[in-house]
Amino acid sequence: MQIKIMQNILAANERKANELRSLLKEKKILMVNLISSPGSGKTTLLEKTIPLLQAKNYRVAVIEGDVETDRDAQRLMAYGIPVILITTSGACHLESVSIEKAFESLNLDELDIIFVENVGNLVCPAEFDIGEDAKVALLSTPEGDDKVAKYPLLFQEASLVILNKVDLLAFIPFKESYFEEDLKQINPQVAVIKMAAQQDMGLEEWIDWLREMVSRKHRTD
């Protein structure tokens, strides 16, 4: 019975996700689903990204998913963009129906990119389609080089993998070769950006990736 209920939940979520994807296609908005463990640097990455995109005249919004508190949302509101907070009160992921409700508070005709900062978790968010154009898996080096092998679904689903905090490689036992080999086995075609967001390393490559994704969206009929 539990399996059947879960199948029904996932099926309903997928239907709603497809509706959202169609809407985003019509509006030519890129939606990026950022997924990582807590503390990997999602909010810091967005703090670095938003001004760079604003300088290139991209109109950006963030849907912020947190179990509790509005602290990350408050950090991002300082950049003068729409930030919609979804507090899950214990739930480990966002679902497409929550994203639909968030859309009600956004003017979709005035946006180019929506970032969804999902709840900090490597498991549940990978299982739930929210209508995004791309899942971006963010892994920080202090988490360890075995996370790709331990949580394969996220890295299978990801369109881009960001390895963050590479400035710490000299100080921690993270083997890049293990990370790269596991990723090659699981998702050999995925793009990888090595980054130290706090130090602005790798941001240019990230912005170029986003610009290409927006361009693809506009080329889609």
N, C-alpha and C. Protein backbone atom coordinates (compact mmCIF):
# COMPACT_ATOMS: atom_id res chain seq x y z
N MET A 1 0.83 -1.21 0.00
CA MET A 1 0.00 0.00 0.00
C MET A 1 0.86 1.26 0.00
N GLN A 2 1.95 1.26 0.80
CA GLN A 2 2.82 2.42 0.84
C GLN A 2 3.45 2.70 -0.52
N ILE A 3 3.84 1.64 -1.23
CA ILE A 3 4.43 1.80 -2.55
C ILE A 3 3.42 2.43 -3.51
N LYS A 4 2.17 1.97 -3.44
CA LYS A 4 1.12 2.50 -4.31
C LYS A 4 0.88 3.98 -4.04
N ILE A 5 0.85 4.35 -2.76
CA ILE A 5 0.65 5.76 -2.40
C ILE A 5 1.78 6.61 -2.94
N MET A 6 3.01 6.13 -2.79
CA MET A 6 4.16 6.88 -3.28
C MET A 6 4.11 7.02 -4.80
N GLN A 7 3.71 5.96 -5.49
CA GLN A 7 3.58 6.03 -6.94
C GLN A 7 2.55 7.07 -7.35
N ASN A 8 1.44 7.14 -6.62
CA ASN A 8 0.40 8.13 -6.91
C ASN A 8 0.90 9.56 -6.68
N ILE A 9 1.66 9.74 -5.59
CA ILE A 9 2.21 11.07 -5.28
C ILE A 9 3.16 11.52 -6.38
N LEU A 10 4.05 10.61 -6.79
CA LEU A 10 5.02 10.95 -7.83
C LEU A 10 4.34 11.22 -9.17
N ALA A 11 3.30 10.45 -9.48
CA ALA A 11 2.59 10.64 -10.75
C ALA A 11 1.88 12.00 -10.77
N ALA A 12 1.23 12.36 -9.66
CA ALA A 12 0.56 13.66 -9.58
C ALA A 12 1.57 14.79 -9.66
N ASN A 13 2.69 14.62 -8.99
CA ASN A 13 3.74 15.63 -9.03
C ASN A 13 4.27 15.80 -10.45
N GLU A 14 4.43 14.70 -11.18
CA GLU A 14 4.95 14.76 -12.54
C GLU A 14 3.97 15.48 -13.47
N ARG A 15 2.68 15.23 -13.30
CA ARG A 15 1.69 15.91 -14.14
C ARG A 15 1.75 17.42 -13.94
N LYS A 16 1.82 17.83 -12.68
CA LYS A 16 1.90 19.26 -12.39
C LYS A 16 3.21 19.84 -12.91
N ALA A 17 4.31 19.11 -12.76
CA ALA A 17 5.61 19.57 -13.26
C ALA A 17 5.58 19.80 -14.76
N ASN A 18 4.92 18.93 -15.48
CA ASN A 18 4.82 19.09 -16.94
C ASN A 18 4.00 20.33 -17.31
N GLU A 19 2.97 20.62 -16.53
CA GLU A 19 2.19 21.84 -16.75
C GLU A 19 3.07 23.08 -16.55
N LEU A 20 3.87 23.06 -15.48
CA LEU A 20 4.75 24.19 -15.21
C LEU A 20 5.81 24.34 -16.30
N ARG A 21 6.32 23.22 -16.78
CA ARG A 21 7.34 23.25 -17.83
C ARG A 21 6.77 23.87 -19.11
N SER A 22 5.54 23.53 -19.41
CA SER A 22 4.89 24.12 -20.59
C SER A 22 4.71 25.62 -20.42
N LEU A 23 4.34 26.05 -19.22
CA LEU A 23 4.18 27.47 -18.95
C LEU A 23 5.50 28.21 -19.10
N LEU A 24 6.57 27.64 -18.55
CA LEU A 24 7.89 28.26 -18.63
C LEU A 24 8.38 28.32 -20.08
N LYS A 25 8.04 27.30 -20.85
CA LYS A 25 8.39 27.31 -22.28
C LYS A 25 7.67 28.44 -23.00
N GLU A 26 6.40 28.60 -22.69
CA GLU A 26 5.61 29.68 -23.31
C GLU A 26 6.18 31.05 -22.95
N LYS A 27 6.59 31.21 -21.69
CA LYS A 27 7.10 32.49 -21.22
C LYS A 27 8.59 32.67 -21.52
N LYS A 28 9.24 31.60 -22.01
CA LYS A 28 10.68 31.61 -22.31
C LYS A 28 11.51 31.96 -21.09
N ILE A 29 11.16 31.33 -19.97
CA ILE A 29 11.88 31.51 -18.72
C ILE A 29 12.69 30.25 -18.42
N LEU A 30 13.95 30.42 -18.10
CA LEU A 30 14.80 29.32 -17.66
C LEU A 30 14.60 29.11 -16.16
N MET A 31 14.30 27.88 -15.75
CA MET A 31 14.22 27.58 -14.32
C MET A 31 15.27 26.53 -13.97
N VAL A 32 16.11 26.87 -13.00
CA VAL A 32 17.22 26.04 -12.57
C VAL A 32 16.97 25.58 -11.14
N ASN A 33 17.03 24.28 -10.93
CA ASN A 33 16.80 23.66 -9.62
C ASN A 33 18.15 23.34 -8.99
N LEU A 34 18.54 24.13 -7.99
CA LEU A 34 19.81 23.93 -7.29
C LEU A 34 19.63 22.96 -6.14
N ILE A 35 20.41 21.88 -6.17
CA ILE A 35 20.27 20.82 -5.16
C ILE A 35 21.63 20.53 -4.56
N SER A 36 21.66 20.47 -3.23
CA SER A 36 22.92 20.14 -2.54
C SER A 36 22.61 19.78 -1.10
N SER A 37 23.65 19.36 -0.39
CA SER A 37 23.56 19.20 1.05
C SER A 37 23.51 20.58 1.72
N PRO A 38 23.05 20.64 2.98
CA PRO A 38 23.16 21.92 3.70
C PRO A 38 24.62 22.35 3.81
N GLY A 39 24.86 23.65 3.62
CA GLY A 39 26.20 24.18 3.82
C GLY A 39 27.14 24.04 2.64
N SER A 40 26.64 23.55 1.51
CA SER A 40 27.51 23.38 0.35
C SER A 40 27.78 24.69 -0.38
N GLY A 41 26.93 25.69 -0.16
CA GLY A 41 27.19 26.99 -0.76
C GLY A 41 26.15 27.46 -1.76
N LYS A 42 24.92 26.93 -1.71
CA LYS A 42 23.90 27.34 -2.67
C LYS A 42 23.58 28.84 -2.55
N THR A 43 23.35 29.30 -1.32
CA THR A 43 22.98 30.70 -1.14
C THR A 43 24.13 31.62 -1.51
N THR A 44 25.34 31.25 -1.11
CA THR A 44 26.51 32.05 -1.48
C THR A 44 26.66 32.10 -2.99
N LEU A 45 26.44 30.98 -3.66
CA LEU A 45 26.52 30.97 -5.12
C LEU A 45 25.51 31.95 -5.72
N LEU A 46 24.29 31.95 -5.20
CA LEU A 46 23.29 32.88 -5.71
C LEU A 46 23.65 34.33 -5.41
N GLU A 47 24.22 34.58 -4.23
CA GLU A 47 24.65 35.95 -3.91
C GLU A 47 25.71 36.44 -4.89
N LYS A 48 26.55 35.55 -5.34
CA LYS A 48 27.58 35.92 -6.31
C LYS A 48 27.01 36.03 -7.73
N THR A 49 26.03 35.18 -8.01
CA THR A 49 25.47 35.07 -9.37
C THR A 49 24.55 36.22 -9.72
N ILE A 50 23.68 36.59 -8.80
CA ILE A 50 22.63 37.57 -9.10
C ILE A 50 23.20 38.90 -9.62
N PRO A 51 24.20 39.52 -8.95
CA PRO A 51 24.72 40.79 -9.48
C PRO A 51 25.35 40.65 -10.86
N LEU A 52 25.99 39.52 -11.11
CA LEU A 52 26.61 39.30 -12.43
C LEU A 52 25.55 39.21 -13.52
N LEU A 53 24.43 38.57 -13.21
CA LEU A 53 23.34 38.49 -14.19
C LEU A 53 22.64 39.82 -14.35
N GLN A 54 22.45 40.54 -13.24
CA GLN A 54 21.82 41.85 -13.31
C GLN A 54 22.66 42.80 -14.18
N ALA A 55 23.98 42.67 -14.09
CA ALA A 55 24.86 43.52 -14.90
C ALA A 55 24.71 43.25 -16.38
N LYS A 56 24.20 42.05 -16.72
CA LYS A 56 23.96 41.69 -18.11
C LYS A 56 22.48 41.81 -18.48
N ASN A 57 21.73 42.48 -17.59
CA ASN A 57 20.32 42.81 -17.83
C ASN A 57 19.40 41.60 -17.82
N TYR A 58 19.79 40.53 -17.13
CA TYR A 58 18.88 39.41 -16.94
C TYR A 58 17.99 39.71 -15.74
N ARG A 59 16.73 39.36 -15.89
CA ARG A 59 15.75 39.56 -14.81
C ARG A 59 15.59 38.24 -14.07
N VAL A 60 15.87 38.28 -12.76
CA VAL A 60 16.05 37.06 -11.97
C VAL A 60 15.09 37.04 -10.79
N ALA A 61 14.61 35.84 -10.46
CA ALA A 61 13.86 35.62 -9.23
C ALA A 61 14.36 34.34 -8.59
N VAL A 62 14.10 34.21 -7.29
CA VAL A 62 14.50 33.01 -6.55
C VAL A 62 13.30 32.47 -5.78
N ILE A 63 13.11 31.17 -5.88
CA ILE A 63 12.18 30.45 -5.01
C ILE A 63 13.04 29.71 -4.00
N GLU A 64 12.90 30.09 -2.75
CA GLU A 64 13.78 29.60 -1.69
C GLU A 64 13.05 28.55 -0.84
N GLY A 65 13.59 27.34 -0.82
CA GLY A 65 13.02 26.27 -0.01
C GLY A 65 13.85 26.04 1.24
N ASP A 66 13.21 26.14 2.40
CA ASP A 66 13.90 25.89 3.67
C ASP A 66 12.97 25.13 4.61
N VAL A 67 13.56 24.29 5.42
CA VAL A 67 12.77 23.56 6.42
C VAL A 67 12.19 24.53 7.44
N GLU A 68 13.03 25.44 7.91
CA GLU A 68 12.60 26.47 8.85
C GLU A 68 13.42 27.74 8.59
N THR A 69 12.96 28.85 9.09
CA THR A 69 13.58 30.18 9.04
C THR A 69 13.58 30.79 7.63
N ASP A 70 13.73 32.12 7.62
CA ASP A 70 13.79 32.86 6.36
C ASP A 70 15.18 33.46 6.15
N ARG A 71 16.19 32.92 6.79
CA ARG A 71 17.50 33.57 6.80
C ARG A 71 18.13 33.62 5.40
N ASP A 72 18.07 32.52 4.67
CA ASP A 72 18.62 32.53 3.31
C ASP A 72 17.83 33.47 2.42
N ALA A 73 16.51 33.45 2.56
CA ALA A 73 15.67 34.34 1.75
C ALA A 73 16.01 35.81 2.02
N GLN A 74 16.24 36.15 3.29
CA GLN A 74 16.58 37.53 3.64
C GLN A 74 17.90 37.94 3.01
N ARG A 75 18.86 37.02 2.96
CA ARG A 75 20.14 37.33 2.32
C ARG A 75 19.95 37.70 0.84
N LEU A 76 19.05 37.00 0.17
CA LEU A 76 18.86 37.21 -1.26
C LEU A 76 17.97 38.41 -1.57
N MET A 77 17.08 38.75 -0.65
CA MET A 77 16.23 39.93 -0.85
C MET A 77 17.04 41.21 -0.93
N ALA A 78 18.23 41.19 -0.36
CA ALA A 78 19.08 42.38 -0.37
C ALA A 78 19.48 42.81 -1.78
N TYR A 79 19.29 41.91 -2.77
CA TYR A 79 19.69 42.22 -4.14
C TYR A 79 18.54 42.80 -4.96
N GLY A 80 17.41 43.07 -4.31
CA GLY A 80 16.32 43.76 -4.98
C GLY A 80 15.58 42.92 -6.00
N ILE A 81 15.58 41.61 -5.83
CA ILE A 81 14.89 40.72 -6.75
C ILE A 81 13.70 40.08 -6.04
N PRO A 82 12.74 39.54 -6.79
CA PRO A 82 11.66 38.79 -6.16
C PRO A 82 12.20 37.51 -5.53
N VAL A 83 11.90 37.30 -4.27
CA VAL A 83 12.29 36.08 -3.55
C VAL A 83 11.05 35.52 -2.89
N ILE A 84 10.68 34.32 -3.27
CA ILE A 84 9.50 33.66 -2.69
C ILE A 84 9.98 32.54 -1.77
N LEU A 85 9.61 32.61 -0.50
CA LEU A 85 10.04 31.63 0.49
C LEU A 85 8.99 30.53 0.63
N ILE A 86 9.44 29.29 0.53
CA ILE A 86 8.59 28.14 0.83
C ILE A 86 9.20 27.45 2.04
N THR A 87 8.51 27.51 3.18
CA THR A 87 8.96 26.84 4.39
C THR A 87 8.26 25.49 4.48
N THR A 88 9.03 24.42 4.45
CA THR A 88 8.44 23.08 4.36
C THR A 88 8.06 22.48 5.70
N SER A 89 8.50 23.10 6.81
CA SER A 89 8.16 22.62 8.16
C SER A 89 8.50 21.13 8.35
N GLY A 90 9.65 20.75 7.90
CA GLY A 90 10.12 19.37 8.10
C GLY A 90 10.25 18.56 6.84
N ALA A 91 9.51 18.89 5.79
CA ALA A 91 9.60 18.14 4.54
C ALA A 91 10.98 18.34 3.92
N CYS A 92 11.50 17.29 3.29
CA CYS A 92 12.90 17.29 2.84
C CYS A 92 13.07 17.71 1.39
N HIS A 93 12.01 18.23 0.74
CA HIS A 93 12.10 18.59 -0.67
C HIS A 93 10.95 19.53 -1.03
N LEU A 94 11.06 20.15 -2.19
CA LEU A 94 9.96 20.92 -2.76
C LEU A 94 9.24 20.08 -3.80
N GLU A 95 7.94 20.31 -3.94
CA GLU A 95 7.14 19.61 -4.94
C GLU A 95 6.59 20.62 -5.95
N SER A 96 6.13 20.11 -7.07
CA SER A 96 5.68 20.99 -8.15
C SER A 96 4.49 21.85 -7.75
N VAL A 97 3.61 21.34 -6.89
CA VAL A 97 2.46 22.14 -6.47
C VAL A 97 2.90 23.35 -5.67
N SER A 98 3.99 23.23 -4.91
CA SER A 98 4.53 24.37 -4.16
C SER A 98 5.11 25.41 -5.11
N ILE A 99 5.76 24.94 -6.17
CA ILE A 99 6.31 25.86 -7.16
C ILE A 99 5.19 26.59 -7.88
N GLU A 100 4.10 25.88 -8.18
CA GLU A 100 2.94 26.52 -8.82
C GLU A 100 2.42 27.66 -7.95
N LYS A 101 2.31 27.43 -6.66
CA LYS A 101 1.83 28.47 -5.76
C LYS A 101 2.80 29.66 -5.71
N ALA A 102 4.10 29.35 -5.74
CA ALA A 102 5.10 30.42 -5.76
C ALA A 102 4.96 31.28 -7.01
N PHE A 103 4.64 30.64 -8.14
CA PHE A 103 4.46 31.38 -9.40
C PHE A 103 3.37 32.43 -9.28
N GLU A 104 2.37 32.19 -8.44
CA GLU A 104 1.26 33.13 -8.28
C GLU A 104 1.74 34.48 -7.74
N SER A 105 2.90 34.47 -7.08
CA SER A 105 3.45 35.70 -6.51
C SER A 105 4.54 36.32 -7.38
N LEU A 106 4.74 35.77 -8.58
CA LEU A 106 5.74 36.27 -9.50
C LEU A 106 5.09 36.80 -10.77
N ASN A 107 5.65 37.85 -11.32
CA ASN A 107 5.22 38.33 -12.64
C ASN A 107 6.09 37.62 -13.68
N LEU A 108 5.59 36.55 -14.23
CA LEU A 108 6.38 35.73 -15.14
C LEU A 108 6.71 36.45 -16.44
N ASP A 109 5.97 37.50 -16.75
CA ASP A 109 6.26 38.26 -17.97
C ASP A 109 7.47 39.17 -17.80
N GLU A 110 7.99 39.26 -16.60
CA GLU A 110 9.12 40.14 -16.34
C GLU A 110 10.33 39.38 -15.80
N LEU A 111 10.45 38.11 -16.21
CA LEU A 111 11.56 37.29 -15.72
C LEU A 111 12.24 36.55 -16.87
N ASP A 112 13.55 36.36 -16.72
CA ASP A 112 14.33 35.54 -17.64
C ASP A 112 14.79 34.25 -17.00
N ILE A 113 15.10 34.31 -15.70
CA ILE A 113 15.64 33.14 -14.99
C ILE A 113 14.99 33.04 -13.62
N ILE A 114 14.56 31.83 -13.26
CA ILE A 114 14.12 31.54 -11.90
C ILE A 114 15.06 30.48 -11.33
N PHE A 115 15.67 30.80 -10.21
CA PHE A 115 16.45 29.82 -9.47
C PHE A 115 15.59 29.25 -8.35
N VAL A 116 15.57 27.94 -8.23
CA VAL A 116 14.94 27.28 -7.10
C VAL A 116 16.05 26.75 -6.21
N GLU A 117 16.18 27.33 -5.03
CA GLU A 117 17.14 26.81 -4.07
C GLU A 117 16.40 25.77 -3.22
N ASN A 118 16.60 24.51 -3.59
CA ASN A 118 15.83 23.44 -2.97
C ASN A 118 16.31 23.20 -1.54
N VAL A 119 15.52 22.45 -0.80
CA VAL A 119 15.87 22.09 0.58
C VAL A 119 17.20 21.33 0.57
N GLY A 120 18.05 21.62 1.54
CA GLY A 120 19.36 20.97 1.61
C GLY A 120 19.26 19.48 1.84
N ASN A 121 19.48 18.70 0.79
CA ASN A 121 19.30 17.24 0.86
C ASN A 121 19.76 16.67 -0.47
N LEU A 122 20.49 15.58 -0.45
CA LEU A 122 20.95 14.96 -1.69
C LEU A 122 20.02 13.86 -2.20
N VAL A 123 18.98 13.54 -1.44
CA VAL A 123 18.13 12.39 -1.80
C VAL A 123 16.78 12.85 -2.34
N CYS A 124 15.92 13.36 -1.47
CA CYS A 124 14.52 13.64 -1.84
C CYS A 124 14.37 14.62 -3.00
N PRO A 125 15.09 15.75 -3.02
CA PRO A 125 14.87 16.69 -4.14
C PRO A 125 15.17 16.10 -5.50
N ALA A 126 16.03 15.11 -5.56
CA ALA A 126 16.36 14.49 -6.86
C ALA A 126 15.20 13.66 -7.38
N GLU A 127 14.30 13.23 -6.50
CA GLU A 127 13.21 12.35 -6.89
C GLU A 127 11.99 13.11 -7.42
N PHE A 128 11.92 14.41 -7.14
CA PHE A 128 10.72 15.18 -7.46
C PHE A 128 11.00 16.21 -8.54
N ASP A 129 10.40 15.99 -9.70
CA ASP A 129 10.44 16.94 -10.80
C ASP A 129 9.59 18.14 -10.42
N ILE A 130 10.13 19.34 -10.59
CA ILE A 130 9.35 20.54 -10.27
C ILE A 130 9.13 21.40 -11.51
N GLY A 131 9.37 20.82 -12.69
CA GLY A 131 9.16 21.56 -13.93
C GLY A 131 10.38 22.32 -14.39
N GLU A 132 11.52 22.08 -13.76
CA GLU A 132 12.74 22.81 -14.07
C GLU A 132 13.29 22.43 -15.45
N ASP A 133 14.09 23.31 -16.01
CA ASP A 133 14.83 23.01 -17.23
C ASP A 133 16.07 22.19 -16.92
N ALA A 134 16.64 22.42 -15.75
CA ALA A 134 17.88 21.73 -15.40
C ALA A 134 18.01 21.59 -13.90
N LYS A 135 18.43 20.41 -13.48
CA LYS A 135 18.90 20.22 -12.11
C LYS A 135 20.40 20.49 -12.08
N VAL A 136 20.83 21.30 -11.14
CA VAL A 136 22.25 21.55 -10.94
C VAL A 136 22.64 20.98 -9.58
N ALA A 137 23.54 20.00 -9.59
CA ALA A 137 24.01 19.38 -8.36
C ALA A 137 25.23 20.14 -7.87
N LEU A 138 25.16 20.61 -6.65
CA LEU A 138 26.27 21.35 -6.05
C LEU A 138 26.87 20.49 -4.94
N LEU A 139 28.13 20.16 -5.08
CA LEU A 139 28.85 19.35 -4.11
C LEU A 139 30.05 20.13 -3.62
N SER A 140 30.24 20.21 -2.31
CA SER A 140 31.41 20.92 -1.79
C SER A 140 32.46 19.90 -1.35
N THR A 141 33.70 20.27 -1.51
CA THR A 141 34.79 19.33 -1.22
C THR A 141 34.81 18.83 0.22
N PRO A 142 34.44 19.63 1.24
CA PRO A 142 34.47 19.09 2.60
C PRO A 142 33.50 17.93 2.84
N GLU A 143 32.51 17.77 1.96
CA GLU A 143 31.56 16.66 2.12
C GLU A 143 32.19 15.30 1.84
N GLY A 144 33.26 15.27 1.09
CA GLY A 144 33.91 14.00 0.77
C GLY A 144 33.76 13.62 -0.69
N ASP A 145 34.72 12.83 -1.17
CA ASP A 145 34.75 12.46 -2.59
C ASP A 145 33.88 11.27 -2.94
N ASP A 146 33.13 10.74 -1.95
CA ASP A 146 32.31 9.55 -2.19
C ASP A 146 30.83 9.86 -2.42
N LYS A 147 30.45 11.12 -2.43
CA LYS A 147 29.03 11.46 -2.46
C LYS A 147 28.36 11.12 -3.79
N VAL A 148 29.10 11.18 -4.89
CA VAL A 148 28.50 10.82 -6.18
C VAL A 148 28.08 9.36 -6.16
N ALA A 149 28.95 8.49 -5.64
CA ALA A 149 28.64 7.05 -5.57
C ALA A 149 27.53 6.76 -4.57
N LYS A 150 27.48 7.52 -3.47
CA LYS A 150 26.49 7.27 -2.42
C LYS A 150 25.10 7.78 -2.78
N TYR A 151 25.05 8.83 -3.59
CA TYR A 151 23.76 9.45 -3.94
C TYR A 151 23.66 9.56 -5.45
N PRO A 152 23.63 8.44 -6.16
CA PRO A 152 23.76 8.47 -7.62
C PRO A 152 22.60 9.13 -8.35
N LEU A 153 21.38 9.06 -7.82
CA LEU A 153 20.23 9.59 -8.57
C LEU A 153 20.40 11.06 -8.90
N LEU A 154 20.80 11.86 -7.93
CA LEU A 154 20.98 13.28 -8.18
C LEU A 154 21.97 13.52 -9.31
N PHE A 155 23.07 12.80 -9.29
CA PHE A 155 24.12 13.05 -10.28
C PHE A 155 23.75 12.45 -11.64
N GLN A 156 22.88 11.45 -11.66
CA GLN A 156 22.33 10.95 -12.92
C GLN A 156 21.41 11.98 -13.55
N GLU A 157 20.63 12.66 -12.72
CA GLU A 157 19.62 13.60 -13.19
C GLU A 157 20.19 14.97 -13.52
N ALA A 158 21.37 15.28 -13.01
CA ALA A 158 21.92 16.63 -13.14
C ALA A 158 22.34 16.95 -14.57
N SER A 159 22.04 18.18 -14.98
CA SER A 159 22.55 18.71 -16.25
C SER A 159 23.91 19.36 -16.06
N LEU A 160 24.21 19.73 -14.84
CA LEU A 160 25.49 20.35 -14.49
C LEU A 160 25.84 19.95 -13.07
N VAL A 161 27.12 19.67 -12.85
CA VAL A 161 27.63 19.42 -11.51
C VAL A 161 28.65 20.50 -11.19
N ILE A 162 28.45 21.17 -10.06
CA ILE A 162 29.40 22.16 -9.58
C ILE A 162 30.14 21.57 -8.38
N LEU A 163 31.45 21.50 -8.47
CA LEU A 163 32.28 21.10 -7.33
C LEU A 163 32.78 22.38 -6.68
N ASN A 164 32.21 22.70 -5.54
CA ASN A 164 32.49 23.97 -4.87
C ASN A 164 33.55 23.80 -3.78
N LYS A 165 34.12 24.93 -3.39
CA LYS A 165 35.14 25.01 -2.33
C LYS A 165 36.41 24.26 -2.72
N VAL A 166 36.78 24.34 -3.98
CA VAL A 166 38.01 23.68 -4.42
C VAL A 166 39.25 24.36 -3.87
N ASP A 167 39.09 25.57 -3.33
CA ASP A 167 40.22 26.23 -2.67
C ASP A 167 40.66 25.51 -1.41
N LEU A 168 39.85 24.57 -0.93
CA LEU A 168 40.19 23.82 0.29
C LEU A 168 40.88 22.49 0.00
N LEU A 169 41.09 22.19 -1.27
CA LEU A 169 41.64 20.87 -1.63
C LEU A 169 43.00 20.60 -1.00
N ALA A 170 43.77 21.64 -0.77
CA ALA A 170 45.10 21.46 -0.17
C ALA A 170 45.03 21.09 1.31
N PHE A 171 43.83 21.21 1.90
CA PHE A 171 43.71 21.04 3.35
C PHE A 171 42.83 19.88 3.76
N ILE A 172 42.15 19.23 2.81
CA ILE A 172 41.24 18.14 3.16
C ILE A 172 41.52 16.92 2.28
N PRO A 173 41.17 15.73 2.75
CA PRO A 173 41.46 14.50 1.99
C PRO A 173 40.41 14.19 0.93
N PHE A 174 40.22 15.11 -0.01
CA PHE A 174 39.27 14.91 -1.10
C PHE A 174 40.06 14.52 -2.34
N LYS A 175 39.77 13.33 -2.88
CA LYS A 175 40.46 12.84 -4.07
C LYS A 175 39.63 13.19 -5.30
N GLU A 176 40.10 14.15 -6.07
CA GLU A 176 39.37 14.54 -7.27
C GLU A 176 39.21 13.37 -8.24
N SER A 177 40.18 12.51 -8.29
CA SER A 177 40.12 11.38 -9.23
C SER A 177 38.98 10.44 -8.88
N TYR A 178 38.70 10.25 -7.58
CA TYR A 178 37.57 9.40 -7.16
C TYR A 178 36.26 10.04 -7.60
N PHE A 179 36.13 11.33 -7.32
CA PHE A 179 34.93 12.08 -7.71
C PHE A 179 34.72 11.99 -9.22
N GLU A 180 35.76 12.22 -9.99
CA GLU A 180 35.65 12.23 -11.45
C GLU A 180 35.32 10.85 -12.00
N GLU A 181 35.91 9.80 -11.44
CA GLU A 181 35.65 8.45 -11.93
C GLU A 181 34.22 8.02 -11.62
N ASP A 182 33.75 8.32 -10.43
CA ASP A 182 32.37 7.98 -10.08
C ASP A 182 31.39 8.72 -10.99
N LEU A 183 31.65 9.98 -11.25
CA LEU A 183 30.77 10.77 -12.10
C LEU A 183 30.80 10.25 -13.54
N LYS A 184 31.96 9.85 -13.99
CA LYS A 184 32.08 9.29 -15.34
C LYS A 184 31.26 8.02 -15.48
N GLN A 185 31.21 7.21 -14.42
CA GLN A 185 30.44 5.97 -14.46
C GLN A 185 28.93 6.25 -14.44
N ILE A 186 28.53 7.27 -13.71
CA ILE A 186 27.11 7.53 -13.49
C ILE A 186 26.50 8.43 -14.56
N ASN A 187 27.24 9.46 -14.98
CA ASN A 187 26.72 10.43 -15.95
C ASN A 187 27.89 10.97 -16.77
N PRO A 188 28.38 10.18 -17.71
CA PRO A 188 29.63 10.53 -18.40
C PRO A 188 29.58 11.82 -19.22
N GLN A 189 28.40 12.26 -19.62
CA GLN A 189 28.30 13.45 -20.47
C GLN A 189 28.08 14.75 -19.69
N VAL A 190 27.90 14.66 -18.39
CA VAL A 190 27.51 15.85 -17.63
C VAL A 190 28.66 16.87 -17.59
N ALA A 191 28.29 18.13 -17.70
CA ALA A 191 29.27 19.21 -17.57
C ALA A 191 29.63 19.40 -16.10
N VAL A 192 30.89 19.76 -15.86
CA VAL A 192 31.39 19.97 -14.50
C VAL A 192 32.09 21.32 -14.43
N ILE A 193 31.77 22.09 -13.41
CA ILE A 193 32.47 23.34 -13.14
C ILE A 193 33.11 23.23 -11.77
N LYS A 194 34.39 23.47 -11.70
CA LYS A 194 35.10 23.49 -10.42
C LYS A 194 35.16 24.94 -9.95
N MET A 195 34.75 25.14 -8.72
CA MET A 195 34.45 26.49 -8.26
C MET A 195 34.88 26.71 -6.81
N ALA A 196 35.22 27.95 -6.52
CA ALA A 196 35.31 28.43 -5.14
C ALA A 196 34.50 29.72 -5.12
N ALA A 197 33.21 29.59 -4.91
CA ALA A 197 32.28 30.72 -5.09
C ALA A 197 32.65 31.91 -4.21
N GLN A 198 33.05 31.63 -2.99
CA GLN A 198 33.40 32.71 -2.06
C GLN A 198 34.56 33.54 -2.57
N GLN A 199 35.45 32.91 -3.34
CA GLN A 199 36.62 33.59 -3.90
C GLN A 199 36.41 33.99 -5.37
N ASP A 200 35.20 33.85 -5.87
CA ASP A 200 34.84 34.22 -7.25
C ASP A 200 35.49 33.33 -8.30
N MET A 201 35.99 32.18 -7.91
CA MET A 201 36.61 31.26 -8.86
C MET A 201 35.54 30.40 -9.51
N GLY A 202 35.55 30.33 -10.84
CA GLY A 202 34.61 29.50 -11.57
C GLY A 202 33.30 30.18 -11.91
N LEU A 203 33.10 31.40 -11.45
CA LEU A 203 31.82 32.08 -11.68
C LEU A 203 31.61 32.43 -13.15
N GLU A 204 32.67 32.80 -13.84
CA GLU A 204 32.54 33.17 -15.25
C GLU A 204 32.03 32.00 -16.08
N GLU A 205 32.57 30.81 -15.80
CA GLU A 205 32.13 29.62 -16.52
C GLU A 205 30.66 29.32 -16.22
N TRP A 206 30.27 29.51 -14.98
CA TRP A 206 28.88 29.31 -14.55
C TRP A 206 27.94 30.30 -15.25
N ILE A 207 28.32 31.55 -15.32
CA ILE A 207 27.49 32.55 -15.99
C ILE A 207 27.38 32.22 -17.48
N ASP A 208 28.47 31.78 -18.09
CA ASP A 208 28.42 31.39 -19.50
C ASP A 208 27.45 30.22 -19.71
N TRP A 209 27.45 29.28 -18.79
CA TRP A 209 26.53 28.14 -18.89
C TRP A 209 25.07 28.63 -18.81
N LEU A 210 24.81 29.52 -17.87
CA LEU A 210 23.45 30.05 -17.73
C LEU A 210 23.02 30.82 -18.98
N ARG A 211 23.91 31.62 -19.52
CA ARG A 211 23.58 32.39 -20.73
C ARG A 211 23.25 31.46 -21.90
N GLU A 212 24.02 30.38 -22.02
CA GLU A 212 23.74 29.42 -23.09
C GLU A 212 22.39 28.74 -22.88
N MET A 213 22.07 28.42 -21.64
CA MET A 213 20.78 27.80 -21.34
C MET A 213 19.62 28.75 -21.66
N VAL A 214 19.79 30.02 -21.34
CA VAL A 214 18.75 31.02 -21.69
C VAL A 214 18.60 31.12 -23.20
N SER A 215 19.73 31.12 -23.90
CA SER A 215 19.68 31.20 -25.37
C SER A 215 18.96 30.01 -25.96
N ARG A 216 19.21 28.84 -25.43
CA ARG A 216 18.51 27.64 -25.91
C ARG A 216 17.01 27.78 -25.69
N LYS A 217 16.64 28.34 -24.55
CA LYS A 217 15.22 28.52 -24.25
C LYS A 217 14.55 29.41 -25.28
N HIS A 218 15.25 30.44 -25.69
CA HIS A 218 14.68 31.38 -26.66
C HIS A 218 14.68 30.80 -28.08
N ARG A 219 15.54 29.80 -28.32
CA ARG A 219 15.53 29.15 -29.63
C ARG A 219 14.48 28.09 -29.75
N THR A 220 13.88 27.69 -28.61
CA THR A 220 12.86 26.65 -28.61
C THR A 220 11.54 27.21 -29.09
N ASP A 221 10.95 26.54 -30.08
CA ASP A 221 9.66 26.99 -30.61
C ASP A 221 8.53 26.53 -29.69
